[in-house]
């Protein structure tokens, strides 16, 4: 299932400050062609601004022009991030994209056991 709060939001500082919450969740960066990156954070707004300012860039897939996000409690964020990576296949989550499905299952199970 794609982002629950999927809407076309422009990847600009003013829009991020106005629309992205300072809350726990997952987020995705995209452009007109593809998903670029899916991340998880304690503060969605700060995470997005960090990407925009270039201090934590994942620009291999091109410059992001849009973003989406959804709220997610801290103990579920990594699991939800992985689900979105499998579904959306973002170009800059490369190490996770190369894992066989069985590795995801093992990782999901280890995450569940830790919570």
C-alpha atoms as a PDB file:
ATOM      1  CA  UNK A   1       0.000   0.000   0.000  1.00  0.00           C
ATOM      2  CA  UNK A   2       1.515   3.365  -0.987  1.00  0.00           C
ATOM      3  CA  UNK A   3       1.747   6.292   1.391  1.00  0.00           C
ATOM      4  CA  UNK A   4      -1.503   6.761   3.295  1.00  0.00           C
ATOM      5  CA  UNK A   5      -1.149  10.527   3.033  1.00  0.00           C
ATOM      6  CA  UNK A   6      -0.172  10.621  -0.640  1.00  0.00           C
ATOM      7  CA  UNK A   7      -0.649  14.021  -2.174  1.00  0.00           C
ATOM      8  CA  UNK A   8       1.352  16.053  -4.657  1.00  0.00           C
ATOM      9  CA  UNK A   9       3.543  18.274  -2.517  1.00  0.00           C
ATOM     10  CA  UNK A  10       6.333  20.371  -3.985  1.00  0.00           C
ATOM     11  CA  UNK A  11       9.768  19.722  -2.500  1.00  0.00           C
ATOM     12  CA  UNK A  12      10.429  23.309  -1.375  1.00  0.00           C
ATOM     13  CA  UNK A  13      11.245  24.682   2.066  1.00  0.00           C
ATOM     14  CA  UNK A  14       8.056  26.733   2.423  1.00  0.00           C
ATOM     15  CA  UNK A  15       5.856  23.757   1.527  1.00  0.00           C
ATOM     16  CA  UNK A  16       7.776  21.414   3.827  1.00  0.00           C
ATOM     17  CA  UNK A  17       7.449  23.857   6.743  1.00  0.00           C
ATOM     18  CA  UNK A  18       3.743  24.376   6.050  1.00  0.00           C
ATOM     19  CA  UNK A  19       2.693  20.778   5.334  1.00  0.00           C
ATOM     20  CA  UNK A  20       5.158  18.341   6.894  1.00  0.00           C
ATOM     21  CA  UNK A  21       4.717  17.695  10.614  1.00  0.00           C
ATOM     22  CA  UNK A  22       7.457  17.571  13.215  1.00  0.00           C
ATOM     23  CA  UNK A  23       6.271  14.052  14.072  1.00  0.00           C
ATOM     24  CA  UNK A  24       7.449  10.469  13.821  1.00  0.00           C
ATOM     25  CA  UNK A  25       6.896   8.853  10.452  1.00  0.00           C
ATOM     26  CA  UNK A  26       8.091   7.783   7.038  1.00  0.00           C
ATOM     27  CA  UNK A  27       8.540   9.932   3.963  1.00  0.00           C
ATOM     28  CA  UNK A  28       9.307   9.576   0.285  1.00  0.00           C
ATOM     29  CA  UNK A  29      11.087  11.799  -2.209  1.00  0.00           C
ATOM     30  CA  UNK A  30      10.129  11.601  -5.870  1.00  0.00           C
ATOM     31  CA  UNK A  31      10.300  13.313  -9.216  1.00  0.00           C
ATOM     32  CA  UNK A  32       8.039  13.043 -12.242  1.00  0.00           C
ATOM     33  CA  UNK A  33       9.628   9.742 -13.314  1.00  0.00           C
ATOM     34  CA  UNK A  34      10.248   7.713 -10.167  1.00  0.00           C
ATOM     35  CA  UNK A  35      10.556   7.390  -6.414  1.00  0.00           C
ATOM     36  CA  UNK A  36      14.017   8.476  -5.335  1.00  0.00           C
ATOM     37  CA  UNK A  37      14.212   7.695  -1.623  1.00  0.00           C
ATOM     38  CA  UNK A  38      12.075   6.406   1.251  1.00  0.00           C
ATOM     39  CA  UNK A  39      13.201   7.296   4.765  1.00  0.00           C
ATOM     40  CA  UNK A  40      12.060   7.101   8.371  1.00  0.00           C
ATOM     41  CA  UNK A  41      12.559   9.670  11.118  1.00  0.00           C
ATOM     42  CA  UNK A  42      11.448  11.041  14.478  1.00  0.00           C
ATOM     43  CA  UNK A  43      10.732  14.382  12.789  1.00  0.00           C
ATOM     44  CA  UNK A  44       9.358  14.274   9.240  1.00  0.00           C
ATOM     45  CA  UNK A  45       9.765  18.007   8.684  1.00  0.00           C
ATOM     46  CA  UNK A  46      13.395  18.074   9.849  1.00  0.00           C
ATOM     47  CA  UNK A  47      14.250  14.989   7.792  1.00  0.00           C
ATOM     48  CA  UNK A  48      12.834  16.519   4.626  1.00  0.00           C
ATOM     49  CA  UNK A  49      14.559  19.857   5.235  1.00  0.00           C
ATOM     50  CA  UNK A  50      17.849  18.028   5.767  1.00  0.00           C
ATOM     51  CA  UNK A  51      17.531  16.429   2.326  1.00  0.00           C
ATOM     52  CA  UNK A  52      16.568  19.762   0.774  1.00  0.00           C
ATOM     53  CA  UNK A  53      19.558  21.538   2.304  1.00  0.00           C
ATOM     54  CA  UNK A  54      21.837  18.832   0.931  1.00  0.00           C
ATOM     55  CA  UNK A  55      23.318  17.688   4.222  1.00  0.00           C
ATOM     56  CA  UNK A  56      21.964  14.184   3.667  1.00  0.00           C
ATOM     57  CA  UNK A  57      21.499  13.828  -0.080  1.00  0.00           C
ATOM     58  CA  UNK A  58      20.314  10.860  -2.095  1.00  0.00           C
ATOM     59  CA  UNK A  59      20.331  12.444  -5.513  1.00  0.00           C
ATOM     60  CA  UNK A  60      21.475   9.485  -7.633  1.00  0.00           C
ATOM     61  CA  UNK A  61      17.994   9.245  -9.135  1.00  0.00           C
ATOM     62  CA  UNK A  62      17.866  12.923  -9.989  1.00  0.00           C
ATOM     63  CA  UNK A  63      16.676  15.898  -8.057  1.00  0.00           C
ATOM     64  CA  UNK A  64      13.528  15.357  -6.014  1.00  0.00           C
ATOM     65  CA  UNK A  65      10.625  17.594  -6.959  1.00  0.00           C
ATOM     66  CA  UNK A  66       7.984  16.211  -4.621  1.00  0.00           C
ATOM     67  CA  UNK A  67       7.433  14.442  -1.321  1.00  0.00           C
ATOM     68  CA  UNK A  68       4.903  12.349   0.553  1.00  0.00           C
ATOM     69  CA  UNK A  69       4.737  11.219   4.156  1.00  0.00           C
ATOM     70  CA  UNK A  70       2.688   9.367   6.692  1.00  0.00           C
ATOM     71  CA  UNK A  71       2.619   9.302  10.458  1.00  0.00           C
ATOM     72  CA  UNK A  72       4.054   6.186  12.024  1.00  0.00           C
ATOM     73  CA  UNK A  73       4.900   5.354  15.652  1.00  0.00           C
ATOM     74  CA  UNK A  74       8.634   4.894  16.337  1.00  0.00           C
ATOM     75  CA  UNK A  75       8.365   1.135  16.863  1.00  0.00           C
ATOM     76  CA  UNK A  76       6.736   0.641  13.420  1.00  0.00           C
ATOM     77  CA  UNK A  77       8.800   3.043  11.300  1.00  0.00           C
ATOM     78  CA  UNK A  78      11.531   0.718  10.047  1.00  0.00           C
ATOM     79  CA  UNK A  79       8.996  -1.967   9.140  1.00  0.00           C
ATOM     80  CA  UNK A  80       6.849   0.544   7.252  1.00  0.00           C
ATOM     81  CA  UNK A  81       9.909   2.001   5.509  1.00  0.00           C
ATOM     82  CA  UNK A  82      10.870  -1.467   4.264  1.00  0.00           C
ATOM     83  CA  UNK A  83       7.333  -2.164   3.064  1.00  0.00           C
ATOM     84  CA  UNK A  84       7.372   1.055   1.051  1.00  0.00           C
ATOM     85  CA  UNK A  85      10.830   0.304  -0.362  1.00  0.00           C
ATOM     86  CA  UNK A  86       9.667  -3.097  -1.578  1.00  0.00           C
ATOM     87  CA  UNK A  87       6.510  -1.597  -3.086  1.00  0.00           C
ATOM     88  CA  UNK A  88       7.864   1.645  -4.582  1.00  0.00           C
ATOM     89  CA  UNK A  89      11.413   0.517  -5.502  1.00  0.00           C
ATOM     90  CA  UNK A  90      13.117   3.912  -4.922  1.00  0.00           C
ATOM     91  CA  UNK A  91      16.407   4.269  -6.806  1.00  0.00           C
ATOM     92  CA  UNK A  92      18.445   5.557  -3.854  1.00  0.00           C
ATOM     93  CA  UNK A  93      17.564   2.850  -1.358  1.00  0.00           C
ATOM     94  CA  UNK A  94      19.947   0.704  -3.401  1.00  0.00           C
ATOM     95  CA  UNK A  95      21.385  -1.584  -0.691  1.00  0.00           C
ATOM     96  CA  UNK A  96      17.880  -2.618   0.341  1.00  0.00           C
ATOM     97  CA  UNK A  97      16.700  -2.966  -3.265  1.00  0.00           C
ATOM     98  CA  UNK A  98      19.323  -5.626  -3.984  1.00  0.00           C
ATOM     99  CA  UNK A  99      18.285  -7.909  -1.140  1.00  0.00           C
ATOM    100  CA  UNK A 100      16.310 -10.987  -2.082  1.00  0.00           C
ATOM    101  CA  UNK A 101      12.798 -11.164  -0.690  1.00  0.00           C
ATOM    102  CA  UNK A 102      13.870 -13.758   1.879  1.00  0.00           C
ATOM    103  CA  UNK A 103      16.238 -11.191   3.390  1.00  0.00           C
ATOM    104  CA  UNK A 104      13.320  -8.786   3.851  1.00  0.00           C
ATOM    105  CA  UNK A 105      11.322 -11.479   5.615  1.00  0.00           C
ATOM    106  CA  UNK A 106      14.255 -12.192   7.922  1.00  0.00           C
ATOM    107  CA  UNK A 107      14.717  -8.501   8.587  1.00  0.00           C
ATOM    108  CA  UNK A 108      10.994  -7.960   9.272  1.00  0.00           C
ATOM    109  CA  UNK A 109      11.061 -10.833  11.760  1.00  0.00           C
ATOM    110  CA  UNK A 110      14.156  -9.490  13.551  1.00  0.00           C
ATOM    111  CA  UNK A 111      12.573  -6.020  13.796  1.00  0.00           C
ATOM    112  CA  UNK A 112       9.395  -7.505  15.278  1.00  0.00           C
ATOM    113  CA  UNK A 113      11.368  -9.495  17.848  1.00  0.00           C
ATOM    114  CA  UNK A 114      13.116  -6.354  19.087  1.00  0.00           C
ATOM    115  CA  UNK A 115       9.830  -4.580  19.912  1.00  0.00           C
END
